[in-house]
Structure formats: C-alpha cells, structure tokens
Amino acid sequence: MLTSISGPLIPALVLYLSEVYKRHELNQRLAILFSAISLAGAFSGLLAFAILHLDGKGGKPGWRCVTYNYTSAYNDRLGIIAGSLF
C-alpha cells in the first residue's frame, strides 16, 4: 500500500512545486525534497533493523512491530517534518 501512495506522490509534488516556485527557486526546493526522501528511506531501514532485534519483547514478534506499529508512525512523522521544510 505504501508503494501505491508514494509512486504518484513524487511526480505530483514536483508538479505542485513547479507551479508555486520560480524556475531559479525550484532547483533548491527539489534538492531538498529528494534529500528528504533519501534520508527517510535510510532511517526507516535502520529503524526496521533495530525493531526486528526486539523479537520477543512485549510478547510480539519483531516483524509485527515493524509492520503494524512503528514504521508507519515514524514515516508519518518524518513526512510531516519534511513537508514543513517547504
């Protein structure tokens, strides 16, 4: 489900930013956007690795923590932070 949302999201953001900013301002905004996307991918992978090592803590397997609880909340918060940069 995340891929079905993030696939059209990036082109839509680029289109939106191209309508809002002038040509010389757009380069910096797009660089910030793509940097934020890269950082979000890197940190979500590290977070998933750490959570998988919580296997058995709290009576839940590690994969369940990643899938249902922590990763989606972390990505939502990171998206809000990245969105506030614009």
C-alpha atoms as a PDB file:
ATOM      1  CA  MET A   1       0.000   0.000   0.000  1.00  0.00           C
ATOM      2  CA  LEU A   2       2.849   2.391   0.726  1.00  0.00           C
ATOM      3  CA  THR A   3       4.198   1.961  -2.793  1.00  0.00           C
ATOM      4  CA  SER A   4       0.829   2.752  -4.341  1.00  0.00           C
ATOM      5  CA  ILE A   5       0.837   6.055  -2.474  1.00  0.00           C
ATOM      6  CA  SER A   6       4.481   7.043  -2.871  1.00  0.00           C
ATOM      7  CA  GLY A   7       4.607   6.215  -6.588  1.00  0.00           C
ATOM      8  CA  PRO A   8       2.368   9.045  -7.781  1.00  0.00           C
ATOM      9  CA  LEU A   9       3.231  11.293  -4.835  1.00  0.00           C
ATOM     10  CA  ILE A  10       6.685  12.330  -6.011  1.00  0.00           C
ATOM     11  CA  PRO A  11       5.642  13.458  -9.525  1.00  0.00           C
ATOM     12  CA  ALA A  12       2.656  15.254  -8.004  1.00  0.00           C
ATOM     13  CA  LEU A  13       4.925  17.110  -5.578  1.00  0.00           C
ATOM     14  CA  VAL A  14       7.266  18.104  -8.397  1.00  0.00           C
ATOM     15  CA  LEU A  15       4.310  19.384 -10.428  1.00  0.00           C
ATOM     16  CA  TYR A  16       2.946  21.293  -7.445  1.00  0.00           C
ATOM     17  CA  LEU A  17       6.311  22.848  -6.623  1.00  0.00           C
ATOM     18  CA  SER A  18       6.812  23.880 -10.250  1.00  0.00           C
ATOM     19  CA  GLU A  19       3.561  25.834 -10.062  1.00  0.00           C
ATOM     20  CA  VAL A  20       4.438  27.558  -6.788  1.00  0.00           C
ATOM     21  CA  TYR A  21       8.118  28.484  -7.195  1.00  0.00           C
ATOM     22  CA  LYS A  22      10.002  30.319  -9.921  1.00  0.00           C
ATOM     23  CA  ARG A  23      12.472  28.427 -12.079  1.00  0.00           C
ATOM     24  CA  HIS A  24      15.581  29.516 -10.165  1.00  0.00           C
ATOM     25  CA  GLU A  25      13.927  28.704  -6.804  1.00  0.00           C
ATOM     26  CA  LEU A  26      12.653  25.305  -7.919  1.00  0.00           C
ATOM     27  CA  ASN A  27      16.109  23.694  -8.097  1.00  0.00           C
ATOM     28  CA  GLN A  28      16.765  24.212  -4.402  1.00  0.00           C
ATOM     29  CA  ARG A  29      13.298  23.029  -3.386  1.00  0.00           C
ATOM     30  CA  LEU A  30      13.584  19.861  -5.459  1.00  0.00           C
ATOM     31  CA  ALA A  31      17.029  19.159  -3.999  1.00  0.00           C
ATOM     32  CA  ILE A  32      15.551  19.432  -0.500  1.00  0.00           C
ATOM     33  CA  LEU A  33      12.641  17.179  -1.479  1.00  0.00           C
ATOM     34  CA  PHE A  34      14.831  14.429  -2.915  1.00  0.00           C
ATOM     35  CA  SER A  35      17.263  14.670   0.010  1.00  0.00           C
ATOM     36  CA  ALA A  36      14.386  14.267   2.446  1.00  0.00           C
ATOM     37  CA  ILE A  37      13.121  11.241   0.522  1.00  0.00           C
ATOM     38  CA  SER A  38      16.583   9.640   0.631  1.00  0.00           C
ATOM     39  CA  LEU A  39      17.002  10.313   4.340  1.00  0.00           C
ATOM     40  CA  ALA A  40      13.546   8.924   5.087  1.00  0.00           C
ATOM     41  CA  GLY A  41      14.411   5.714   3.228  1.00  0.00           C
ATOM     42  CA  ALA A  42      17.729   5.353   5.034  1.00  0.00           C
ATOM     43  CA  PHE A  43      16.357   5.959   8.505  1.00  0.00           C
ATOM     44  CA  SER A  44      13.292   3.788   8.027  1.00  0.00           C
ATOM     45  CA  GLY A  45      15.583   0.877   7.083  1.00  0.00           C
ATOM     46  CA  LEU A  46      17.728   1.435  10.167  1.00  0.00           C
ATOM     47  CA  LEU A  47      14.649   1.690  12.341  1.00  0.00           C
ATOM     48  CA  ALA A  48      13.229  -1.523  10.896  1.00  0.00           C
ATOM     49  CA  PHE A  49      16.544  -3.306  11.559  1.00  0.00           C
ATOM     50  CA  ALA A  50      16.538  -2.139  15.175  1.00  0.00           C
ATOM     51  CA  ILE A  51      12.914  -3.103  15.730  1.00  0.00           C
ATOM     52  CA  LEU A  52      13.459  -6.573  14.301  1.00  0.00           C
ATOM     53  CA  HIS A  53      16.031  -7.110  17.032  1.00  0.00           C
ATOM     54  CA  LEU A  54      13.256  -6.537  19.580  1.00  0.00           C
ATOM     55  CA  ASP A  55      11.981 -10.013  18.744  1.00  0.00           C
ATOM     56  CA  GLY A  56      10.030 -11.393  21.675  1.00  0.00           C
ATOM     57  CA  LYS A  57       9.930  -8.171  23.698  1.00  0.00           C
ATOM     58  CA  GLY A  58       6.440  -7.312  24.816  1.00  0.00           C
ATOM     59  CA  GLY A  59       5.170 -10.702  23.688  1.00  0.00           C
ATOM     60  CA  LYS A  60       5.188  -9.733  19.995  1.00  0.00           C
ATOM     61  CA  PRO A  61       7.420 -10.976  17.192  1.00  0.00           C
ATOM     62  CA  GLY A  62       9.735  -8.371  15.682  1.00  0.00           C
ATOM     63  CA  TRP A  63       8.139  -8.359  12.234  1.00  0.00           C
ATOM     64  CA  ARG A  64       4.788  -7.469  13.754  1.00  0.00           C
ATOM     65  CA  CYS A  65       6.223  -4.416  15.470  1.00  0.00           C
ATOM     66  CA  VAL A  66       7.697  -3.197  12.191  1.00  0.00           C
ATOM     67  CA  THR A  67       4.640  -3.872  10.083  1.00  0.00           C
ATOM     68  CA  TYR A  68       1.872  -2.590  12.298  1.00  0.00           C
ATOM     69  CA  ASN A  69       3.168  -0.160  14.869  1.00  0.00           C
ATOM     70  CA  TYR A  70       6.408   1.670  14.473  1.00  0.00           C
ATOM     71  CA  THR A  71       7.326   2.064  10.826  1.00  0.00           C
ATOM     72  CA  SER A  72       4.108   3.714   9.691  1.00  0.00           C
ATOM     73  CA  ALA A  73       4.082   6.147  12.607  1.00  0.00           C
ATOM     74  CA  TYR A  74       7.748   7.000  12.030  1.00  0.00           C
ATOM     75  CA  ASN A  75       7.222   7.609   8.314  1.00  0.00           C
ATOM     76  CA  ASP A  76       4.182   9.781   9.002  1.00  0.00           C
ATOM     77  CA  ARG A  77       6.132  11.973  11.403  1.00  0.00           C
ATOM     78  CA  LEU A  78       9.088  12.210   9.061  1.00  0.00           C
ATOM     79  CA  GLY A  79       6.774  13.179   6.218  1.00  0.00           C
ATOM     80  CA  ILE A  80       5.264  15.955   8.312  1.00  0.00           C
ATOM     81  CA  ILE A  81       8.723  17.237   9.199  1.00  0.00           C
ATOM     82  CA  ALA A  82       9.873  17.086   5.575  1.00  0.00           C
ATOM     83  CA  GLY A  83       6.698  18.820   4.470  1.00  0.00           C
ATOM     84  CA  SER A  84       7.270  21.655   6.916  1.00  0.00           C
ATOM     85  CA  LEU A  85      10.578  22.451   5.196  1.00  0.00           C
ATOM     86  CA  PHE A  86       8.646  23.922   2.293  1.00  0.00           C
END
